[in-house]
Amino acid sequence: MNTHTQQTDAPGFRLDAYLARIGHPGPVGADIETLCNVHRAHVMSIPFENLDPVHGIVPSLALDDLQKKLVEDRRGGYCYEQNLLLAAALRATGLTLRYLTGRVVLGTGDPATRPRTHMALLVDVPGRPAPYLADVGFGAIGALTRPVPLTPDAEHWADNRGHRLLRTGDDRAGRLETWTLQAHGPDGWASQYAFTTEPAEHSDITVANWYIATYPNSPFHSRIHVQRTSPDAHRSLSGEELTVTRADGTTVTRTLTDGEIQQILVAEMGLPHSRVLHDPASGRAGSM
């Protein structure tokens, strides 16, 4: 296995700093152990958050800015930021991958009613017969903690979460096979998002990022969504409502005061104190 000081095809990416941020000491290489371990460590260390869009800021997707925000400043981000950062790290270990875009289907029975605004990764691993779906940026309790191989119907369990991929037909043009990621919950299997394996370009991700950050009806434009996954619990803050789901499946939800929100963002979500302040009059997060 190679060490994490090897040359990379992600110029300017500081792999050592990233590994320190996620608490993964290495070594790393182009193998399944690295993919799984880095993926899980990332999920457990970097929170999902959309504070920039509710500030009226479109998050930068430039690699230097992602490293500054998520690694140096110890912020979080949403799917584009999280998965582009992971992609750079995986490429730095020698793994190859492609960007994917998907339609979030939570709350709808027809994927075609949702635009392709979610980003994930499809990672090739030497010696493995199928590529792996990797995704550290899905802001829901149904998110993956470890990558799963692109094989239909097989169940995968990790960190008290169950997932499976379904082969759900072709796109409407009949050219590309469509897959759906499902997560197991209290009511059984529930679809999370649908995607094809068509490679997306960075320009596609840039357009989706602008839309999600600025479109008035975007769920991430005007209401804070912050989530933190840990081995013992999943914490989700949506506006002023905090839901904590323990490893045994028990759930507690409560409405927070403004002072409690500030405390939760720092103490439980792991965000730096100097960057977050909640304005109860607007329901938006603001800068200090």
Protein backbone atom coordinates (compact mmCIF):
# COMPACT_ATOMS: atom_id res chain seq x y z
CA MET A 1 0.00 0.00 0.00
CA ASN A 2 1.33 3.43 -0.93
CA THR A 3 1.76 6.19 1.59
CA HIS A 4 -0.15 9.44 1.35
CA THR A 5 2.92 11.40 0.21
CA GLN A 6 2.74 10.02 -3.34
CA GLN A 7 2.32 12.27 -6.36
CA THR A 8 -1.29 13.00 -7.31
CA ASP A 9 -3.35 14.15 -10.28
CA ALA A 10 -5.07 16.76 -8.08
CA PRO A 11 -2.49 19.59 -8.19
CA GLY A 12 -2.48 21.71 -5.08
CA PHE A 13 -4.48 19.26 -3.01
CA ARG A 14 -3.09 18.89 0.50
CA LEU A 15 -3.83 15.28 1.28
CA ASP A 16 -2.03 15.26 4.64
CA ALA A 17 -4.16 18.17 5.89
CA TYR A 18 -7.35 16.48 4.67
CA LEU A 19 -6.48 13.19 6.37
CA ALA A 20 -5.74 15.04 9.60
CA ARG A 21 -9.10 16.84 9.33
CA ILE A 22 -11.01 13.55 9.10
CA GLY A 23 -8.84 11.79 11.67
CA HIS A 24 -7.51 9.16 9.29
CA PRO A 25 -3.79 8.50 9.93
CA GLY A 26 -3.22 6.43 6.79
CA PRO A 27 -1.45 4.88 5.05
CA VAL A 28 -3.62 5.18 1.95
CA GLY A 29 -3.52 3.72 -1.53
CA ALA A 30 -5.64 2.83 -4.54
CA ASP A 31 -7.55 0.05 -2.78
CA ILE A 32 -10.88 -0.79 -1.23
CA GLU A 33 -9.62 -0.32 2.33
CA THR A 34 -8.68 3.28 1.61
CA LEU A 35 -11.98 4.01 -0.11
CA CYS A 36 -14.07 2.60 2.73
CA ASN A 37 -12.00 4.03 5.57
CA VAL A 38 -11.63 7.52 4.11
CA HIS A 39 -15.32 7.65 3.19
CA ARG A 40 -16.45 6.73 6.70
CA ALA A 41 -13.95 9.03 8.40
CA HIS A 42 -15.12 11.93 6.23
CA VAL A 43 -18.79 11.33 7.07
CA MET A 44 -18.03 11.13 10.78
CA SER A 45 -15.88 14.30 10.80
CA ILE A 46 -17.26 16.92 8.41
CA PRO A 47 -20.84 18.11 8.99
CA PHE A 48 -23.40 18.73 6.29
CA GLU A 49 -24.42 22.41 6.30
CA ASN A 50 -25.84 25.08 4.02
CA LEU A 51 -25.01 28.24 5.97
CA ASP A 52 -23.45 29.97 2.96
CA PRO A 53 -26.58 29.81 0.76
CA VAL A 54 -28.78 31.15 3.55
CA HIS A 55 -26.27 33.98 3.90
CA GLY A 56 -26.86 34.73 0.22
CA ILE A 57 -23.48 33.27 -0.75
CA VAL A 58 -23.02 30.75 -3.57
CA PRO A 59 -20.38 28.31 -2.26
CA SER A 60 -17.18 28.26 -4.27
CA LEU A 61 -16.34 24.88 -5.79
CA ALA A 62 -12.71 25.75 -6.51
CA LEU A 63 -10.47 23.17 -4.87
CA ASP A 64 -8.42 25.73 -2.95
CA ASP A 65 -11.62 27.25 -1.54
CA LEU A 66 -13.00 23.85 -0.59
CA GLN A 67 -9.81 23.04 1.30
CA LYS A 68 -9.88 26.41 3.02
CA LYS A 69 -13.51 26.11 4.10
CA LEU A 70 -13.91 22.42 4.97
CA VAL A 71 -10.36 21.56 6.04
CA GLU A 72 -8.63 24.67 7.38
CA ASP A 73 -11.67 26.55 8.71
CA ARG A 74 -13.35 23.30 9.85
CA ARG A 75 -16.66 24.20 8.27
CA GLY A 76 -19.00 21.78 6.55
CA GLY A 77 -20.79 21.95 3.24
CA TYR A 78 -23.45 20.39 1.10
CA CYS A 79 -23.20 17.68 -1.56
CA TYR A 80 -21.12 19.48 -4.19
CA GLU A 81 -18.55 20.73 -1.71
CA GLN A 82 -18.33 17.48 0.23
CA ASN A 83 -18.08 15.14 -2.76
CA LEU A 84 -15.69 17.33 -4.75
CA LEU A 85 -13.39 17.38 -1.73
CA LEU A 86 -13.65 13.60 -1.37
CA ALA A 87 -13.02 13.19 -5.11
CA ALA A 88 -9.78 15.15 -4.85
CA ALA A 89 -8.68 13.03 -1.91
CA LEU A 90 -9.46 9.74 -3.65
CA ARG A 91 -7.67 10.84 -6.80
CA ALA A 92 -4.69 11.76 -4.63
CA THR A 93 -4.54 8.15 -3.46
CA GLY A 94 -4.49 6.88 -7.06
CA LEU A 95 -8.16 5.92 -7.42
CA THR A 96 -10.11 6.90 -10.52
CA LEU A 97 -13.70 8.10 -10.49
CA ARG A 98 -16.43 9.99 -12.24
CA TYR A 99 -18.95 12.55 -11.03
CA LEU A 100 -22.61 11.54 -11.02
CA THR A 101 -25.77 13.61 -10.78
CA GLY A 102 -29.00 12.29 -9.33
CA ARG A 103 -32.60 13.16 -8.60
CA VAL A 104 -33.59 13.21 -4.92
CA VAL A 105 -36.79 11.16 -4.71
CA LEU A 106 -37.57 11.44 -1.01
CA GLY A 107 -41.17 12.60 -0.85
CA THR A 108 -42.09 11.85 -4.45
CA GLY A 109 -43.06 8.76 -6.42
CA ASP A 110 -41.87 10.13 -9.76
CA PRO A 111 -38.15 10.89 -10.10
CA ALA A 112 -38.80 12.84 -13.30
CA THR A 113 -40.43 15.61 -11.24
CA ARG A 114 -37.07 16.34 -9.58
CA PRO A 115 -34.07 17.91 -11.34
CA ARG A 116 -30.62 16.35 -11.22
CA THR A 117 -29.35 18.45 -8.34
CA HIS A 118 -27.61 15.84 -6.19
CA MET A 119 -23.99 14.93 -6.72
CA ALA A 120 -22.32 11.60 -5.95
CA LEU A 121 -19.24 9.68 -7.12
CA LEU A 122 -18.66 6.40 -8.93
CA VAL A 123 -15.25 5.02 -7.98
CA ASP A 124 -13.25 2.33 -9.78
CA VAL A 125 -11.25 0.11 -7.45
CA PRO A 126 -8.47 -2.10 -8.87
CA GLY A 127 -9.35 -5.77 -8.65
CA ARG A 128 -13.04 -5.19 -7.94
CA PRO A 129 -15.60 -6.32 -10.54
CA ALA A 130 -17.97 -3.38 -10.06
CA PRO A 131 -17.41 0.30 -9.33
CA TYR A 132 -18.54 1.75 -6.00
CA LEU A 133 -21.11 4.45 -5.30
CA ALA A 134 -19.49 6.90 -2.88
CA ASP A 135 -21.39 9.83 -1.38
CA VAL A 136 -20.46 11.88 1.68
CA GLY A 137 -22.83 14.74 0.92
CA PHE A 138 -26.40 13.46 1.13
CA GLY A 139 -28.08 15.50 3.84
CA ALA A 140 -30.37 12.86 5.32
CA ILE A 141 -30.27 10.02 7.79
CA GLY A 142 -30.47 7.68 4.80
CA ALA A 143 -26.98 8.75 3.73
CA LEU A 144 -24.19 6.25 3.18
CA THR A 145 -21.46 5.94 5.77
CA ARG A 146 -19.50 3.56 3.53
CA PRO A 147 -19.49 3.18 -0.26
CA VAL A 148 -21.49 0.37 -1.86
CA PRO A 149 -20.73 -1.60 -5.04
CA LEU A 150 -22.88 -0.91 -8.08
CA THR A 151 -24.65 -4.25 -7.99
CA PRO A 152 -28.43 -4.64 -7.85
CA ASP A 153 -30.47 -5.85 -4.87
CA ALA A 154 -27.62 -6.71 -2.50
CA GLU A 155 -28.09 -5.38 1.04
CA HIS A 156 -25.22 -3.55 2.73
CA TRP A 157 -25.18 -2.80 6.46
CA ALA A 158 -22.78 -0.47 8.24
CA ASP A 159 -23.07 1.75 11.33
CA ASN A 160 -26.64 0.57 11.96
CA ARG A 161 -27.71 1.68 8.49
CA GLY A 162 -28.91 -0.56 5.69
CA HIS A 163 -28.67 0.29 1.99
CA ARG A 164 -29.29 -1.35 -1.33
CA LEU A 165 -29.20 -0.36 -4.98
CA LEU A 166 -32.04 -1.18 -7.32
CA ARG A 167 -31.80 -1.34 -11.08
CA THR A 168 -34.94 0.67 -11.86
CA GLY A 169 -35.01 0.72 -15.65
CA ASP A 170 -33.77 3.09 -18.32
CA ASP A 171 -33.98 6.80 -18.67
CA ARG A 172 -36.79 8.15 -20.83
CA ALA A 173 -34.61 8.08 -23.91
CA GLY A 174 -33.96 4.39 -23.30
CA ARG A 175 -30.19 4.77 -23.45
CA LEU A 176 -28.97 4.86 -19.86
CA GLU A 177 -29.74 2.46 -17.04
CA THR A 178 -31.18 4.08 -13.94
CA TRP A 179 -30.29 3.10 -10.39
CA THR A 180 -32.00 3.99 -7.13
CA LEU A 181 -30.33 4.09 -3.73
CA GLN A 182 -32.60 2.88 -0.95
CA ALA A 183 -32.10 3.10 2.80
CA HIS A 184 -33.73 0.93 5.43
CA GLY A 185 -35.80 2.79 7.99
CA PRO A 186 -38.57 2.17 10.52
CA ASP A 187 -41.07 1.55 7.71
CA GLY A 188 -38.80 -0.61 5.59
CA TRP A 189 -36.91 0.33 2.44
CA ALA A 190 -37.26 3.92 1.21
CA SER A 191 -35.82 5.42 -1.97
CA GLN A 192 -33.32 8.24 -1.46
CA TYR A 193 -32.18 9.29 -4.93
CA ALA A 194 -32.09 7.98 -8.50
CA PHE A 195 -29.16 8.35 -10.88
CA THR A 196 -27.61 7.14 -14.10
CA THR A 197 -23.95 6.35 -14.59
CA GLU A 198 -23.49 9.04 -17.24
CA PRO A 199 -20.41 11.05 -16.24
CA ALA A 200 -21.06 14.64 -15.17
CA GLU A 201 -18.59 17.43 -15.77
CA HIS A 202 -17.46 20.07 -13.30
CA SER A 203 -19.44 22.59 -15.33
CA ASP A 204 -22.64 20.56 -14.70
CA ILE A 205 -21.93 20.63 -10.97
CA THR A 206 -21.28 24.38 -11.09
CA VAL A 207 -24.68 25.04 -12.68
CA ALA A 208 -26.49 22.82 -10.17
CA ASN A 209 -24.67 24.52 -7.31
CA TRP A 210 -25.78 27.97 -8.52
CA TYR A 211 -29.38 26.81 -8.88
CA ILE A 212 -29.60 25.20 -5.45
CA ALA A 213 -27.93 28.17 -3.73
CA THR A 214 -30.00 30.90 -5.42
CA TYR A 215 -33.38 29.52 -6.54
CA PRO A 216 -36.01 31.00 -4.17
CA ASN A 217 -37.82 27.68 -3.72
CA SER A 218 -34.66 25.67 -3.13
CA PRO A 219 -34.77 23.95 0.27
CA PHE A 220 -31.21 25.14 0.90
CA HIS A 221 -31.74 28.81 0.02
CA SER A 222 -33.69 30.16 2.98
CA ARG A 223 -33.69 27.59 5.78
CA ILE A 224 -30.69 26.19 7.61
CA HIS A 225 -30.03 22.48 7.30
CA VAL A 226 -27.18 21.10 9.37
CA GLN A 227 -26.47 17.43 10.01
CA ARG A 228 -23.80 15.55 11.88
CA THR A 229 -23.26 11.80 11.86
CA SER A 230 -21.40 10.08 14.68
CA PRO A 231 -21.08 6.43 15.65
CA ASP A 232 -23.74 6.80 18.35
CA ALA A 233 -26.26 9.18 16.75
CA HIS A 234 -27.40 11.24 13.78
CA ARG A 235 -28.24 14.88 14.50
CA SER A 236 -30.35 16.92 12.10
CA LEU A 237 -31.16 20.61 12.51
CA SER A 238 -33.76 21.97 10.09
CA GLY A 239 -34.61 25.58 10.86
CA GLU A 240 -35.31 25.54 14.58
CA GLU A 241 -36.14 21.82 14.84
CA LEU A 242 -33.50 19.41 16.10
CA THR A 243 -33.93 15.66 15.62
CA VAL A 244 -31.53 13.22 17.25
CA THR A 245 -31.68 9.59 16.11
CA ARG A 246 -29.73 7.19 18.28
CA ALA A 247 -27.99 4.04 17.10
CA ASP A 248 -30.84 1.91 18.47
CA GLY A 249 -33.35 3.77 16.28
CA THR A 250 -34.94 5.88 19.01
CA THR A 251 -35.67 9.46 17.94
CA VAL A 252 -36.15 12.68 19.89
CA THR A 253 -37.27 15.93 18.25
CA ARG A 254 -37.52 19.33 19.89
CA THR A 255 -37.80 22.98 18.92
CA LEU A 256 -34.82 25.12 19.90
CA THR A 257 -34.55 28.70 21.02
CA ASP A 258 -32.14 31.02 19.25
CA GLY A 259 -29.55 30.64 21.99
CA GLU A 260 -29.86 26.87 21.88
CA ILE A 261 -29.37 26.84 18.11
CA GLN A 262 -26.08 28.68 18.43
CA GLN A 263 -24.95 26.26 21.13
CA ILE A 264 -25.99 23.18 19.14
CA LEU A 265 -24.26 24.37 15.97
CA VAL A 266 -20.98 24.67 17.83
CA ALA A 267 -21.09 22.03 20.55
CA GLU A 268 -22.94 19.22 18.76
CA MET A 269 -22.60 19.94 15.05
CA GLY A 270 -18.91 20.82 15.28
CA LEU A 271 -19.01 24.18 13.53
CA PRO A 272 -16.59 26.96 14.51
CA HIS A 273 -18.19 29.53 16.81
CA SER A 274 -17.02 32.57 14.86
CA ARG A 275 -18.93 31.56 11.73
CA VAL A 276 -22.50 30.91 12.90
CA LEU A 277 -25.27 32.99 14.40
CA HIS A 278 -29.00 32.37 14.10
CA ASP A 279 -31.47 35.19 13.47
CA PRO A 280 -34.84 34.09 14.86
CA ALA A 281 -36.68 36.88 13.05
CA SER A 282 -35.78 35.54 9.63
CA GLY A 283 -35.17 31.87 10.25
CA ARG A 284 -31.81 32.34 8.56
CA ALA A 285 -28.30 31.81 9.80
CA GLY A 286 -26.02 34.81 9.83
CA SER A 287 -22.37 35.63 10.29
CA MET A 288 -20.84 36.97 13.46
